[in-house]
Amino acid sequence: MTTSMEPIAIDNVGNTHAESFPIRDDRVAPRTLGPGRVARLVARLRAGSLDRKLIAGADPASSPQLAARAARLTAPRTRALIAEGLDGLLQAAHGPKQRWSAVGRRDALLANAEEISDLAALLHGDVPLRARGIAMLSELLSDGAGPAYHGGREELARHLGEARVAMRR
């Protein structure tokens, strides 16, 4: 905050001199610019469809709702939740088979365990990541008909690789 309260000098004609004009610059932005409350609410309610748009390559800056969803996906809390979901998939694949548990394809998960662990560690880290790749991993966890639950080793490996690349671009 800069404040200069020098007296105003006025010459004989009534003109003020710039070098002695009082300057106050104590304005502070109340908050950073970002999606408003309504956009954030809509983004929460339409998370799945917005994720699919991001996965398809939509620019997060193209709408307030996409921007809000991208911000939420890249937030540390959401990144940690998705990482925990990946870790949970691996734990379930390593554990005993349970009748009423949603366990993915054990063989596909175990074959890709190192990549899944690496992606979880990346999500837990501080490196900035793109929303598109995080959305891909979120969908991988939530899509019960997707490659983590019904795909083969190669299909899961391809999806994990695409998500890794998308998080870095």
N, C-alpha and C. Protein backbone atom coordinates (compact mmCIF):
# COMPACT_ATOMS: atom_id res chain seq x y z
N MET A 1 0.85 -1.16 0.00
CA MET A 1 0.00 0.00 0.00
C MET A 1 0.90 1.23 0.00
N THR A 2 0.76 2.05 -1.02
CA THR A 2 1.56 3.25 -1.13
C THR A 2 0.68 4.45 -0.93
N THR A 3 1.09 5.34 -0.07
CA THR A 3 0.31 6.55 0.17
C THR A 3 1.26 7.72 0.19
N SER A 4 0.95 8.72 -0.60
CA SER A 4 1.75 9.94 -0.61
C SER A 4 0.79 11.10 -0.40
N MET A 5 0.96 11.81 0.66
CA MET A 5 0.04 12.90 0.96
C MET A 5 0.78 14.23 0.93
N GLU A 6 1.41 14.50 -0.18
CA GLU A 6 2.09 15.78 -0.35
C GLU A 6 1.04 16.85 -0.63
N PRO A 7 1.32 18.08 -0.27
CA PRO A 7 0.35 19.15 -0.55
C PRO A 7 0.25 19.40 -2.04
N ILE A 8 -0.92 19.84 -2.46
CA ILE A 8 -1.14 20.17 -3.86
C ILE A 8 -0.61 21.57 -4.12
N ALA A 9 0.20 21.65 -5.14
CA ALA A 9 0.72 22.98 -5.51
C ALA A 9 -0.14 23.53 -6.64
N ILE A 10 -0.64 24.72 -6.45
CA ILE A 10 -1.49 25.36 -7.47
C ILE A 10 -0.79 26.63 -7.90
N ASP A 11 -0.63 26.77 -9.23
CA ASP A 11 0.04 27.98 -9.72
C ASP A 11 -0.97 29.11 -9.87
N ASN A 12 -0.57 30.20 -10.41
CA ASN A 12 -1.42 31.39 -10.52
C ASN A 12 -2.64 31.18 -11.40
N VAL A 13 -2.59 30.21 -12.31
CA VAL A 13 -3.71 30.01 -13.22
C VAL A 13 -4.67 28.93 -12.72
N GLY A 14 -4.37 28.32 -11.62
CA GLY A 14 -5.25 27.29 -11.07
C GLY A 14 -4.87 25.88 -11.49
N ASN A 15 -3.75 25.70 -12.18
CA ASN A 15 -3.30 24.36 -12.58
C ASN A 15 -2.55 23.69 -11.44
N THR A 16 -2.75 22.40 -11.32
CA THR A 16 -2.02 21.66 -10.29
C THR A 16 -0.76 21.07 -10.92
N HIS A 17 0.24 20.90 -10.15
CA HIS A 17 1.48 20.29 -10.60
C HIS A 17 1.48 18.81 -10.26
N ALA A 18 1.74 17.99 -11.25
CA ALA A 18 1.67 16.53 -11.08
C ALA A 18 2.60 16.02 -10.01
N GLU A 19 3.79 16.60 -9.88
CA GLU A 19 4.74 16.07 -8.92
C GLU A 19 4.28 16.26 -7.48
N SER A 20 3.32 17.08 -7.23
CA SER A 20 2.89 17.27 -5.86
C SER A 20 1.43 16.88 -5.64
N PHE A 21 0.83 16.25 -6.63
CA PHE A 21 -0.55 15.81 -6.50
C PHE A 21 -0.60 14.58 -5.60
N PRO A 22 -1.50 14.54 -4.60
CA PRO A 22 -1.53 13.39 -3.69
C PRO A 22 -1.97 12.13 -4.43
N ILE A 23 -1.22 11.08 -4.24
CA ILE A 23 -1.53 9.80 -4.90
C ILE A 23 -1.78 8.77 -3.82
N ARG A 24 -2.90 8.10 -3.91
CA ARG A 24 -3.23 7.03 -2.98
C ARG A 24 -3.46 5.77 -3.79
N ASP A 25 -2.73 4.74 -3.46
CA ASP A 25 -2.91 3.45 -4.13
C ASP A 25 -3.07 2.39 -3.07
N ASP A 26 -4.20 2.41 -2.41
CA ASP A 26 -4.44 1.44 -1.35
C ASP A 26 -5.57 0.48 -1.72
N ARG A 27 -5.88 0.43 -3.01
CA ARG A 27 -6.92 -0.48 -3.47
C ARG A 27 -6.36 -1.90 -3.48
N VAL A 28 -7.12 -2.83 -2.98
CA VAL A 28 -6.71 -4.22 -2.95
C VAL A 28 -7.83 -5.04 -3.58
N ALA A 29 -7.44 -5.95 -4.47
CA ALA A 29 -8.44 -6.81 -5.09
C ALA A 29 -9.08 -7.68 -4.01
N PRO A 30 -10.41 -7.69 -3.92
CA PRO A 30 -11.07 -8.48 -2.88
C PRO A 30 -10.87 -9.98 -3.05
N ARG A 31 -10.71 -10.47 -4.27
CA ARG A 31 -10.48 -11.89 -4.52
C ARG A 31 -9.93 -12.03 -5.93
N THR A 32 -9.37 -13.17 -6.20
CA THR A 32 -8.87 -13.40 -7.55
C THR A 32 -10.05 -13.70 -8.47
N LEU A 33 -9.85 -13.43 -9.73
CA LEU A 33 -10.90 -13.70 -10.70
C LEU A 33 -11.03 -15.20 -10.90
N GLY A 34 -12.22 -15.65 -11.07
CA GLY A 34 -12.48 -17.07 -11.29
C GLY A 34 -13.96 -17.28 -11.50
N PRO A 35 -14.36 -18.53 -11.67
CA PRO A 35 -15.78 -18.81 -11.88
C PRO A 35 -16.61 -18.39 -10.67
N GLY A 36 -17.78 -17.88 -10.93
CA GLY A 36 -18.66 -17.45 -9.85
C GLY A 36 -19.35 -18.62 -9.18
N ARG A 37 -20.15 -18.29 -8.17
CA ARG A 37 -20.85 -19.33 -7.40
C ARG A 37 -21.78 -20.17 -8.24
N VAL A 38 -22.51 -19.53 -9.12
CA VAL A 38 -23.47 -20.28 -9.95
C VAL A 38 -22.72 -21.25 -10.85
N ALA A 39 -21.63 -20.80 -11.46
CA ALA A 39 -20.84 -21.67 -12.33
C ALA A 39 -20.27 -22.84 -11.54
N ARG A 40 -19.82 -22.59 -10.33
CA ARG A 40 -19.27 -23.68 -9.51
C ARG A 40 -20.36 -24.68 -9.13
N LEU A 41 -21.55 -24.18 -8.83
CA LEU A 41 -22.66 -25.07 -8.49
C LEU A 41 -23.06 -25.92 -9.69
N VAL A 42 -23.20 -25.28 -10.84
CA VAL A 42 -23.55 -26.02 -12.06
C VAL A 42 -22.47 -27.05 -12.37
N ALA A 43 -21.22 -26.68 -12.17
CA ALA A 43 -20.12 -27.61 -12.44
C ALA A 43 -20.20 -28.83 -11.54
N ARG A 44 -20.62 -28.65 -10.31
CA ARG A 44 -20.77 -29.79 -9.40
C ARG A 44 -21.91 -30.69 -9.84
N LEU A 45 -23.01 -30.07 -10.24
CA LEU A 45 -24.19 -30.84 -10.63
C LEU A 45 -23.98 -31.57 -11.96
N ARG A 46 -23.18 -31.01 -12.83
CA ARG A 46 -22.96 -31.58 -14.17
C ARG A 46 -21.54 -32.10 -14.34
N ALA A 47 -20.94 -32.56 -13.26
CA ALA A 47 -19.53 -32.98 -13.28
C ALA A 47 -19.25 -34.02 -14.36
N GLY A 48 -20.09 -35.02 -14.48
CA GLY A 48 -19.86 -36.08 -15.46
C GLY A 48 -19.84 -35.58 -16.89
N SER A 49 -20.83 -34.78 -17.25
CA SER A 49 -20.88 -34.28 -18.63
C SER A 49 -19.76 -33.29 -18.90
N LEU A 50 -19.40 -32.49 -17.89
CA LEU A 50 -18.28 -31.56 -18.07
C LEU A 50 -16.95 -32.31 -18.18
N ASP A 51 -16.81 -33.37 -17.42
CA ASP A 51 -15.60 -34.21 -17.53
C ASP A 51 -15.49 -34.79 -18.94
N ARG A 52 -16.60 -35.27 -19.48
CA ARG A 52 -16.57 -35.83 -20.84
C ARG A 52 -16.17 -34.77 -21.86
N LYS A 53 -16.62 -33.53 -21.67
CA LYS A 53 -16.22 -32.45 -22.57
C LYS A 53 -14.73 -32.17 -22.44
N LEU A 54 -14.22 -32.14 -21.22
CA LEU A 54 -12.79 -31.91 -21.01
C LEU A 54 -11.97 -33.05 -21.63
N ILE A 55 -12.43 -34.29 -21.44
CA ILE A 55 -11.74 -35.44 -22.01
C ILE A 55 -11.72 -35.35 -23.53
N ALA A 56 -12.81 -34.86 -24.11
CA ALA A 56 -12.88 -34.71 -25.57
C ALA A 56 -12.00 -33.57 -26.09
N GLY A 57 -11.45 -32.77 -25.18
CA GLY A 57 -10.53 -31.72 -25.59
C GLY A 57 -11.08 -30.31 -25.50
N ALA A 58 -12.22 -30.13 -24.85
CA ALA A 58 -12.78 -28.78 -24.71
C ALA A 58 -11.84 -27.90 -23.90
N ASP A 59 -11.76 -26.65 -24.29
CA ASP A 59 -10.93 -25.68 -23.58
C ASP A 59 -11.65 -25.25 -22.30
N PRO A 60 -11.02 -25.42 -21.13
CA PRO A 60 -11.68 -25.02 -19.88
C PRO A 60 -12.06 -23.55 -19.84
N ALA A 61 -11.36 -22.71 -20.60
CA ALA A 61 -11.66 -21.28 -20.61
C ALA A 61 -12.85 -20.94 -21.49
N SER A 62 -13.42 -21.94 -22.17
CA SER A 62 -14.52 -21.66 -23.10
C SER A 62 -15.85 -21.43 -22.41
N SER A 63 -15.98 -21.80 -21.15
CA SER A 63 -17.22 -21.53 -20.41
C SER A 63 -16.91 -21.47 -18.92
N PRO A 64 -17.71 -20.71 -18.19
CA PRO A 64 -17.49 -20.64 -16.74
C PRO A 64 -17.65 -21.99 -16.04
N GLN A 65 -18.56 -22.83 -16.54
CA GLN A 65 -18.78 -24.13 -15.93
C GLN A 65 -17.57 -25.04 -16.15
N LEU A 66 -17.01 -25.04 -17.37
CA LEU A 66 -15.82 -25.84 -17.63
C LEU A 66 -14.64 -25.34 -16.81
N ALA A 67 -14.52 -24.03 -16.68
CA ALA A 67 -13.44 -23.46 -15.87
C ALA A 67 -13.59 -23.88 -14.41
N ALA A 68 -14.82 -23.87 -13.92
CA ALA A 68 -15.06 -24.26 -12.53
C ALA A 68 -14.76 -25.74 -12.32
N ARG A 69 -15.15 -26.57 -13.27
CA ARG A 69 -14.87 -28.01 -13.16
C ARG A 69 -13.38 -28.28 -13.24
N ALA A 70 -12.69 -27.60 -14.14
CA ALA A 70 -11.24 -27.77 -14.27
C ALA A 70 -10.54 -27.35 -12.98
N ALA A 71 -11.00 -26.25 -12.39
CA ALA A 71 -10.41 -25.79 -11.14
C ALA A 71 -10.62 -26.82 -10.03
N ARG A 72 -11.79 -27.40 -10.00
CA ARG A 72 -12.08 -28.40 -8.97
C ARG A 72 -11.24 -29.66 -9.18
N LEU A 73 -11.11 -30.10 -10.44
CA LEU A 73 -10.33 -31.30 -10.72
C LEU A 73 -8.85 -31.12 -10.35
N THR A 74 -8.33 -29.94 -10.58
CA THR A 74 -6.91 -29.71 -10.32
C THR A 74 -6.62 -29.29 -8.88
N ALA A 75 -7.65 -29.12 -8.08
CA ALA A 75 -7.46 -28.76 -6.67
C ALA A 75 -6.81 -29.93 -5.92
N PRO A 76 -5.96 -29.63 -4.95
CA PRO A 76 -5.27 -30.69 -4.20
C PRO A 76 -6.21 -31.73 -3.59
N ARG A 77 -7.34 -31.29 -3.08
CA ARG A 77 -8.28 -32.23 -2.45
C ARG A 77 -8.82 -33.24 -3.46
N THR A 78 -9.23 -32.79 -4.63
CA THR A 78 -9.76 -33.69 -5.65
C THR A 78 -8.66 -34.60 -6.17
N ARG A 79 -7.48 -34.04 -6.39
CA ARG A 79 -6.35 -34.86 -6.83
C ARG A 79 -6.08 -35.98 -5.83
N ALA A 80 -6.12 -35.65 -4.54
CA ALA A 80 -5.88 -36.66 -3.51
C ALA A 80 -6.97 -37.73 -3.50
N LEU A 81 -8.21 -37.32 -3.70
CA LEU A 81 -9.31 -38.29 -3.72
C LEU A 81 -9.17 -39.26 -4.89
N ILE A 82 -8.79 -38.77 -6.04
CA ILE A 82 -8.62 -39.63 -7.20
C ILE A 82 -7.41 -40.55 -6.98
N ALA A 83 -6.34 -40.02 -6.41
CA ALA A 83 -5.17 -40.85 -6.11
C ALA A 83 -5.55 -41.97 -5.13
N GLU A 84 -6.34 -41.64 -4.13
CA GLU A 84 -6.79 -42.64 -3.17
C GLU A 84 -7.67 -43.69 -3.85
N GLY A 85 -8.46 -43.27 -4.82
CA GLY A 85 -9.27 -44.21 -5.59
C GLY A 85 -8.40 -45.18 -6.38
N LEU A 86 -7.34 -44.66 -6.98
CA LEU A 86 -6.41 -45.53 -7.72
C LEU A 86 -5.73 -46.51 -6.76
N ASP A 87 -5.29 -46.00 -5.62
CA ASP A 87 -4.67 -46.87 -4.61
C ASP A 87 -5.66 -47.93 -4.13
N GLY A 88 -6.92 -47.54 -3.96
CA GLY A 88 -7.95 -48.48 -3.52
C GLY A 88 -8.20 -49.59 -4.53
N LEU A 89 -8.15 -49.24 -5.81
CA LEU A 89 -8.29 -50.26 -6.86
C LEU A 89 -7.19 -51.30 -6.74
N LEU A 90 -5.97 -50.83 -6.54
CA LEU A 90 -4.84 -51.75 -6.42
C LEU A 90 -4.95 -52.61 -5.16
N GLN A 91 -5.36 -52.00 -4.06
CA GLN A 91 -5.51 -52.77 -2.81
C GLN A 91 -6.56 -53.86 -2.98
N ALA A 92 -7.65 -53.52 -3.65
CA ALA A 92 -8.71 -54.50 -3.88
C ALA A 92 -8.22 -55.62 -4.80
N ALA A 93 -7.41 -55.28 -5.77
CA ALA A 93 -6.89 -56.29 -6.70
C ALA A 93 -5.91 -57.23 -6.00
N HIS A 94 -5.16 -56.72 -5.04
CA HIS A 94 -4.20 -57.54 -4.30
C HIS A 94 -4.87 -58.36 -3.21
N GLY A 95 -6.02 -57.91 -2.74
CA GLY A 95 -6.69 -58.57 -1.61
C GLY A 95 -7.51 -59.77 -2.04
N PRO A 96 -8.16 -60.40 -1.06
CA PRO A 96 -9.00 -61.57 -1.37
C PRO A 96 -10.24 -61.14 -2.15
N LYS A 97 -10.71 -62.04 -2.96
CA LYS A 97 -11.90 -61.77 -3.77
C LYS A 97 -13.11 -61.69 -2.84
N GLN A 98 -13.88 -60.60 -3.01
CA GLN A 98 -15.07 -60.40 -2.19
C GLN A 98 -16.30 -60.40 -3.09
N ARG A 99 -17.33 -61.00 -2.61
CA ARG A 99 -18.53 -61.19 -3.42
C ARG A 99 -19.23 -59.88 -3.76
N TRP A 100 -19.38 -58.96 -2.81
CA TRP A 100 -20.17 -57.76 -3.02
C TRP A 100 -19.31 -56.51 -3.18
N SER A 101 -18.12 -56.66 -3.64
CA SER A 101 -17.23 -55.53 -3.78
C SER A 101 -17.02 -55.22 -5.26
N ALA A 102 -16.94 -53.94 -5.55
CA ALA A 102 -16.69 -53.52 -6.94
C ALA A 102 -15.19 -53.51 -7.18
N VAL A 103 -14.68 -54.66 -7.53
CA VAL A 103 -13.25 -54.80 -7.81
C VAL A 103 -13.08 -54.85 -9.31
N GLY A 104 -12.08 -54.15 -9.76
CA GLY A 104 -11.81 -54.15 -11.19
C GLY A 104 -11.24 -55.48 -11.65
N ARG A 105 -10.86 -55.49 -12.90
CA ARG A 105 -10.24 -56.68 -13.47
C ARG A 105 -8.89 -56.88 -12.82
N ARG A 106 -8.78 -57.88 -11.97
CA ARG A 106 -7.56 -58.13 -11.22
C ARG A 106 -6.34 -58.26 -12.12
N ASP A 107 -6.45 -59.07 -13.17
CA ASP A 107 -5.29 -59.30 -14.02
C ASP A 107 -4.85 -58.01 -14.71
N ALA A 108 -5.80 -57.20 -15.17
CA ALA A 108 -5.47 -55.94 -15.84
C ALA A 108 -4.87 -54.95 -14.85
N LEU A 109 -5.45 -54.88 -13.66
CA LEU A 109 -4.95 -53.96 -12.64
C LEU A 109 -3.55 -54.35 -12.17
N LEU A 110 -3.36 -55.63 -11.91
CA LEU A 110 -2.05 -56.08 -11.42
C LEU A 110 -0.97 -55.93 -12.50
N ALA A 111 -1.34 -56.14 -13.75
CA ALA A 111 -0.38 -55.97 -14.84
C ALA A 111 0.03 -54.51 -15.00
N ASN A 112 -0.84 -53.59 -14.59
CA ASN A 112 -0.57 -52.15 -14.71
C ASN A 112 -0.35 -51.49 -13.35
N ALA A 113 -0.04 -52.28 -12.34
CA ALA A 113 0.07 -51.77 -10.97
C ALA A 113 1.12 -50.67 -10.85
N GLU A 114 2.25 -50.83 -11.51
CA GLU A 114 3.31 -49.82 -11.40
C GLU A 114 2.86 -48.48 -11.98
N GLU A 115 2.21 -48.50 -13.13
CA GLU A 115 1.72 -47.26 -13.75
C GLU A 115 0.62 -46.63 -12.89
N ILE A 116 -0.26 -47.43 -12.34
CA ILE A 116 -1.32 -46.90 -11.49
C ILE A 116 -0.72 -46.25 -10.24
N SER A 117 0.27 -46.90 -9.63
CA SER A 117 0.94 -46.32 -8.46
C SER A 117 1.66 -45.03 -8.82
N ASP A 118 2.31 -45.01 -9.98
CA ASP A 118 3.01 -43.80 -10.42
C ASP A 118 2.04 -42.64 -10.63
N LEU A 119 0.88 -42.93 -11.22
CA LEU A 119 -0.12 -41.88 -11.44
C LEU A 119 -0.67 -41.38 -10.12
N ALA A 120 -0.89 -42.28 -9.17
CA ALA A 120 -1.38 -41.86 -7.85
C ALA A 120 -0.35 -40.96 -7.17
N ALA A 121 0.93 -41.32 -7.28
CA ALA A 121 1.99 -40.49 -6.69
C ALA A 121 2.05 -39.13 -7.37
N LEU A 122 1.86 -39.10 -8.67
CA LEU A 122 1.85 -37.84 -9.42
C LEU A 122 0.71 -36.94 -8.94
N LEU A 123 -0.45 -37.52 -8.72
CA LEU A 123 -1.59 -36.77 -8.22
C LEU A 123 -1.36 -36.25 -6.81
N HIS A 124 -0.68 -37.02 -5.99
CA HIS A 124 -0.37 -36.58 -4.62
C HIS A 124 0.68 -35.48 -4.59
N GLY A 125 1.46 -35.35 -5.65
CA GLY A 125 2.55 -34.37 -5.69
C GLY A 125 2.07 -32.95 -5.91
N ASP A 126 3.05 -32.05 -5.99
CA ASP A 126 2.76 -30.62 -6.16
C ASP A 126 2.89 -30.14 -7.60
N VAL A 127 3.24 -31.01 -8.51
CA VAL A 127 3.43 -30.63 -9.90
C VAL A 127 2.08 -30.22 -10.51
N PRO A 128 2.00 -29.07 -11.17
CA PRO A 128 0.74 -28.69 -11.82
C PRO A 128 0.35 -29.71 -12.90
N LEU A 129 -0.90 -30.09 -12.89
CA LEU A 129 -1.41 -31.07 -13.85
C LEU A 129 -2.63 -30.51 -14.56
N ARG A 130 -2.85 -30.95 -15.77
CA ARG A 130 -3.99 -30.49 -16.57
C ARG A 130 -5.26 -31.24 -16.20
N ALA A 131 -6.35 -30.52 -16.27
CA ALA A 131 -7.65 -31.07 -15.89
C ALA A 131 -8.08 -32.23 -16.78
N ARG A 132 -7.72 -32.19 -18.04
CA ARG A 132 -8.16 -33.23 -18.97
C ARG A 132 -7.69 -34.61 -18.50
N GLY A 133 -6.42 -34.74 -18.15
CA GLY A 133 -5.90 -36.02 -17.70
C GLY A 133 -6.49 -36.47 -16.38
N ILE A 134 -6.71 -35.52 -15.49
CA ILE A 134 -7.32 -35.86 -14.20
C ILE A 134 -8.76 -36.33 -14.41
N ALA A 135 -9.46 -35.69 -15.34
CA ALA A 135 -10.83 -36.12 -15.67
C ALA A 135 -10.82 -37.53 -16.24
N MET A 136 -9.81 -37.86 -17.03
CA MET A 136 -9.72 -39.22 -17.59
C MET A 136 -9.57 -40.25 -16.47
N LEU A 137 -8.76 -39.94 -15.48
CA LEU A 137 -8.59 -40.88 -14.36
C LEU A 137 -9.85 -40.95 -13.51
N SER A 138 -10.52 -39.83 -13.32
CA SER A 138 -11.77 -39.82 -12.57
C SER A 138 -12.81 -40.70 -13.26
N GLU A 139 -12.90 -40.57 -14.57
CA GLU A 139 -13.85 -41.40 -15.32
C GLU A 139 -13.46 -42.87 -15.27
N LEU A 140 -12.16 -43.14 -15.33
CA LEU A 140 -11.67 -44.52 -15.26
C LEU A 140 -12.13 -45.18 -13.95
N LEU A 141 -12.10 -44.41 -12.86
CA LEU A 141 -12.53 -44.94 -11.57
C LEU A 141 -14.04 -45.12 -11.48
N SER A 142 -14.79 -44.21 -12.07
CA SER A 142 -16.24 -44.21 -11.88
C SER A 142 -17.01 -44.99 -12.93
N ASP A 143 -16.38 -45.30 -14.06
CA ASP A 143 -17.08 -46.00 -15.14
C ASP A 143 -16.99 -47.51 -14.93
N GLY A 144 -18.04 -48.08 -14.38
CA GLY A 144 -18.08 -49.51 -14.10
C GLY A 144 -18.01 -50.38 -15.33
N ALA A 145 -18.25 -49.80 -16.50
CA ALA A 145 -18.15 -50.56 -17.75
C ALA A 145 -16.85 -50.25 -18.48
N GLY A 146 -15.96 -49.49 -17.83
CA GLY A 146 -14.73 -49.06 -18.46
C GLY A 146 -13.60 -50.07 -18.31
N PRO A 147 -12.43 -49.70 -18.80
CA PRO A 147 -11.30 -50.63 -18.84
C PRO A 147 -10.76 -51.07 -17.48
N ALA A 148 -10.98 -50.30 -16.43
CA ALA A 148 -10.50 -50.73 -15.11
C ALA A 148 -11.34 -51.88 -14.57
N TYR A 149 -12.57 -52.00 -15.02
CA TYR A 149 -13.47 -53.01 -14.50
C TYR A 149 -13.79 -54.12 -15.50
N HIS A 150 -13.74 -53.80 -16.80
CA HIS A 150 -14.10 -54.80 -17.80
C HIS A 150 -13.14 -54.87 -18.97
N GLY A 151 -12.05 -54.15 -18.91
CA GLY A 151 -11.11 -54.15 -20.03
C GLY A 151 -9.97 -55.12 -19.82
N GLY A 152 -9.19 -55.26 -20.86
CA GLY A 152 -8.01 -56.10 -20.79
C GLY A 152 -6.79 -55.29 -20.36
N ARG A 153 -5.67 -55.98 -20.22
CA ARG A 153 -4.43 -55.34 -19.79
C ARG A 153 -4.02 -54.21 -20.73
N GLU A 154 -4.04 -54.49 -22.02
CA GLU A 154 -3.59 -53.50 -23.00
C GLU A 154 -4.51 -52.29 -23.05
N GLU A 155 -5.80 -52.55 -22.97
CA GLU A 155 -6.77 -51.44 -23.01
C GLU A 155 -6.59 -50.53 -21.79
N LEU A 156 -6.41 -51.11 -20.62
CA LEU A 156 -6.18 -50.32 -19.41
C LEU A 156 -4.86 -49.56 -19.52
N ALA A 157 -3.83 -50.22 -20.01
CA ALA A 157 -2.52 -49.58 -20.17
C ALA A 157 -2.63 -48.38 -21.11
N ARG A 158 -3.39 -48.53 -22.19
CA ARG A 158 -3.57 -47.43 -23.14
C ARG A 158 -4.28 -46.25 -22.48
N HIS A 159 -5.33 -46.52 -21.72
CA HIS A 159 -6.06 -45.44 -21.04
C HIS A 159 -5.19 -44.74 -20.00
N LEU A 160 -4.42 -45.50 -19.26
CA LEU A 160 -3.53 -44.90 -18.26
C LEU A 160 -2.47 -44.04 -18.93
N GLY A 161 -1.92 -44.51 -20.04
CA GLY A 161 -0.92 -43.75 -20.78
C GLY A 161 -1.49 -42.47 -21.34
N GLU A 162 -2.70 -42.54 -21.89
CA GLU A 162 -3.35 -41.34 -22.42
C GLU A 162 -3.61 -40.32 -21.31
N ALA A 163 -4.01 -40.80 -20.15
CA ALA A 163 -4.26 -39.89 -19.02
C ALA A 163 -2.97 -39.22 -18.58
N ARG A 164 -1.88 -39.97 -18.53
CA ARG A 164 -0.59 -39.40 -18.14
C ARG A 164 -0.17 -38.30 -19.11
N VAL A 165 -0.29 -38.57 -20.39
CA VAL A 165 0.08 -37.57 -21.40
C VAL A 165 -0.82 -36.34 -21.29
N ALA A 166 -2.12 -36.56 -21.11
CA ALA A 166 -3.07 -35.45 -21.04
C ALA A 166 -2.85 -34.58 -19.80
N MET A 167 -2.36 -35.17 -18.71
CA MET A 167 -2.12 -34.38 -17.51
C MET A 167 -0.93 -33.45 -17.69
N ARG A 168 -0.03 -33.79 -18.58
CA ARG A 168 1.19 -33.01 -18.77
C ARG A 168 1.09 -31.97 -19.89
N ARG A 169 0.14 -32.12 -20.79
CA ARG A 169 0.02 -31.18 -21.92
C ARG A 169 -0.76 -29.96 -21.54
